[in-house]
Structure formats: C-alpha cells, structure tokens
C-alpha cells in the first residue's frame, strides 16, 4: 500500500515493543481504539479512508500498466 493514504483509522498501529507486550497481555488491557465525537463519525471516516486507499492503489496499478504498454500501438 502507498504511504500517502492509510486505511487504519479504527485500530491503533502498535510498535514492536507493544507487540511483544501483547504476548503476555491476557486481560487485553493494551487495546486502544480511536475515538470520535458521534458514533457514525468513526465509521464514516474509516469508510472514506478505505475508499481513498483503494483509489490510490488503482491509480498506481493503472500507472504501472500504462508503462508496460507498447508505445507503437
């Protein structure tokens, strides 16, 4: 996935130290979720980020495909 658009709003990205800590986190006390003002705001933002991420991937794929085309055609 491209670095410009990330579709990870609804979950936290952990560091490697947090990942190791989760091995012994049997009570699930390390889990954190992103908060929003209204219940639908988080979903709307996550869906928008997903669409932007998919659009970016399609743009990159089409650009790469255009580079592979024979210019004589």
C-alpha atoms as a PDB file:
ATOM      1  CA  UNK A   1       0.000   0.000   0.000  1.00  0.00           C
ATOM      2  CA  UNK A   2       1.174   3.521  -0.683  1.00  0.00           C
ATOM      3  CA  UNK A   3       2.475   5.609   2.188  1.00  0.00           C
ATOM      4  CA  UNK A   4       0.252   8.599   1.395  1.00  0.00           C
ATOM      5  CA  UNK A   5      -3.136   7.198   2.388  1.00  0.00           C
ATOM      6  CA  UNK A   6      -3.621   4.839   5.288  1.00  0.00           C
ATOM      7  CA  UNK A   7      -6.794   2.957   5.971  1.00  0.00           C
ATOM      8  CA  UNK A   8      -6.103   2.264   9.631  1.00  0.00           C
ATOM      9  CA  UNK A   9      -8.293   4.776  11.467  1.00  0.00           C
ATOM     10  CA  UNK A  10     -10.292   2.339  13.580  1.00  0.00           C
ATOM     11  CA  UNK A  11      -7.353   0.487  15.081  1.00  0.00           C
ATOM     12  CA  UNK A  12      -4.077   1.544  16.606  1.00  0.00           C
ATOM     13  CA  UNK A  13      -0.775   0.661  14.987  1.00  0.00           C
ATOM     14  CA  UNK A  14       1.496  -0.759  17.646  1.00  0.00           C
ATOM     15  CA  UNK A  15       5.243  -0.617  17.977  1.00  0.00           C
ATOM     16  CA  UNK A  16       7.290  -3.790  18.202  1.00  0.00           C
ATOM     17  CA  UNK A  17       7.534  -3.328  21.979  1.00  0.00           C
ATOM     18  CA  UNK A  18       3.732  -3.239  22.245  1.00  0.00           C
ATOM     19  CA  UNK A  19       3.542  -6.303  20.032  1.00  0.00           C
ATOM     20  CA  UNK A  20       5.846  -8.202  22.356  1.00  0.00           C
ATOM     21  CA  UNK A  21       3.841  -6.960  25.342  1.00  0.00           C
ATOM     22  CA  UNK A  22       0.639  -8.329  23.812  1.00  0.00           C
ATOM     23  CA  UNK A  23       2.077 -11.830  24.098  1.00  0.00           C
ATOM     24  CA  UNK A  24       1.516 -11.659  27.861  1.00  0.00           C
ATOM     25  CA  UNK A  25      -1.490  -9.304  27.854  1.00  0.00           C
ATOM     26  CA  UNK A  26      -4.075 -11.921  28.766  1.00  0.00           C
ATOM     27  CA  UNK A  27      -6.565  -9.307  30.047  1.00  0.00           C
ATOM     28  CA  UNK A  28      -6.479  -7.305  26.781  1.00  0.00           C
ATOM     29  CA  UNK A  29      -5.573  -4.136  28.672  1.00  0.00           C
ATOM     30  CA  UNK A  30      -3.290  -2.784  25.921  1.00  0.00           C
ATOM     31  CA  UNK A  31      -6.022  -2.497  23.275  1.00  0.00           C
ATOM     32  CA  UNK A  32      -6.881   1.095  22.332  1.00  0.00           C
ATOM     33  CA  UNK A  33      -9.402   2.264  19.749  1.00  0.00           C
ATOM     34  CA  UNK A  34      -9.734   5.625  18.029  1.00  0.00           C
ATOM     35  CA  UNK A  35     -12.456   7.829  19.460  1.00  0.00           C
ATOM     36  CA  UNK A  36     -14.909  10.048  17.605  1.00  0.00           C
ATOM     37  CA  UNK A  37     -17.466  12.681  18.626  1.00  0.00           C
ATOM     38  CA  UNK A  38     -20.516  10.793  17.339  1.00  0.00           C
ATOM     39  CA  UNK A  39     -20.920   7.041  16.767  1.00  0.00           C
ATOM     40  CA  UNK A  40     -21.268   7.398  12.989  1.00  0.00           C
ATOM     41  CA  UNK A  41     -18.260   9.701  12.634  1.00  0.00           C
ATOM     42  CA  UNK A  42     -15.702   6.946  13.164  1.00  0.00           C
ATOM     43  CA  UNK A  43     -17.397   4.682  10.626  1.00  0.00           C
ATOM     44  CA  UNK A  44     -17.750   7.467   8.063  1.00  0.00           C
ATOM     45  CA  UNK A  45     -14.099   8.442   8.429  1.00  0.00           C
ATOM     46  CA  UNK A  46     -12.942   4.818   8.205  1.00  0.00           C
ATOM     47  CA  UNK A  47     -15.019   4.187   5.080  1.00  0.00           C
ATOM     48  CA  UNK A  48     -13.677   7.373   3.472  1.00  0.00           C
ATOM     49  CA  UNK A  49     -10.092   6.321   4.259  1.00  0.00           C
ATOM     50  CA  UNK A  50     -10.779   2.861   2.797  1.00  0.00           C
ATOM     51  CA  UNK A  51     -12.102   4.353  -0.448  1.00  0.00           C
ATOM     52  CA  UNK A  52      -9.121   6.710  -0.684  1.00  0.00           C
ATOM     53  CA  UNK A  53      -6.696   3.827  -0.109  1.00  0.00           C
ATOM     54  CA  UNK A  54      -8.372   1.659  -2.763  1.00  0.00           C
ATOM     55  CA  UNK A  55      -8.425   4.593  -5.194  1.00  0.00           C
ATOM     56  CA  UNK A  56      -4.727   5.202  -4.628  1.00  0.00           C
ATOM     57  CA  UNK A  57      -3.926   1.537  -5.257  1.00  0.00           C
ATOM     58  CA  UNK A  58      -5.947   1.606  -8.500  1.00  0.00           C
ATOM     59  CA  UNK A  59      -4.185   4.788  -9.611  1.00  0.00           C
ATOM     60  CA  UNK A  60      -0.770   3.211  -9.034  1.00  0.00           C
ATOM     61  CA  UNK A  61      -1.798  -0.027 -10.797  1.00  0.00           C
ATOM     62  CA  UNK A  62      -3.097   1.872 -13.842  1.00  0.00           C
ATOM     63  CA  UNK A  63       0.064   3.991 -13.966  1.00  0.00           C
ATOM     64  CA  UNK A  64       2.244   0.871 -13.855  1.00  0.00           C
ATOM     65  CA  UNK A  65       0.093  -0.780 -16.524  1.00  0.00           C
ATOM     66  CA  UNK A  66       0.458   2.253 -18.779  1.00  0.00           C
ATOM     67  CA  UNK A  67       4.247   1.991 -18.505  1.00  0.00           C
ATOM     68  CA  UNK A  68       4.146  -1.609 -19.767  1.00  0.00           C
ATOM     69  CA  UNK A  69       2.158  -0.744 -22.925  1.00  0.00           C
ATOM     70  CA  UNK A  70       3.946  -0.693 -26.276  1.00  0.00           C
ATOM     71  CA  UNK A  71       4.117   2.957 -27.454  1.00  0.00           C
ATOM     72  CA  UNK A  72       3.886   1.832 -31.135  1.00  0.00           C
ATOM     73  CA  UNK A  73       0.266   0.685 -30.714  1.00  0.00           C
END
